[in-house]
Amino acid sequence: MSKGDIHIMPTGQLMPEHRLIERMRALLKRELSRIQETSKADQRFIEIAVDFFRVYTDFCHHGKEEHILFGELEARPLFPEHRAMMEELTREHAFAREVVKGLLEAKERYGRGSNEALADIIKR
């Protein structure tokens, strides 16, 4: 590495992505509160949120973590607590996929006229 090179840790590159994901989660939380108050869902917002979570969060961000970072870490000796953390993150990613899938399904049912779907949207 030359004097002018900057060494960036792989996890450092993921941190701004985490902040962006947190911002979208906050927007979704605000929308869910609005749904509770008005008993009406903004279907377009939910579509955008689902798209963000599927494409950006899952495909781009989780893809980097699971296929690049975790792959690199798997090849190294890890302390048990670090391996457990990596496994927990993988489980959280799978759970997030299910939540997003459920949110989309509930939004689609709501779009077909099911007011009961609002409760499923809110619980996501």
Foldseek 3Di string as FASTA:
>chain_A
DDPPDDDDDPVNVLVVVVVVLVVLVVVLLVQLVVCVVPLDHPLVSLVVSLCCCVPVVQVPRVCCCPVPVVVVVVVDDDDPVVVVVSVVVVVVSVVSVVLSVQLVVLSVVVVVPDSVSSVSNSVD
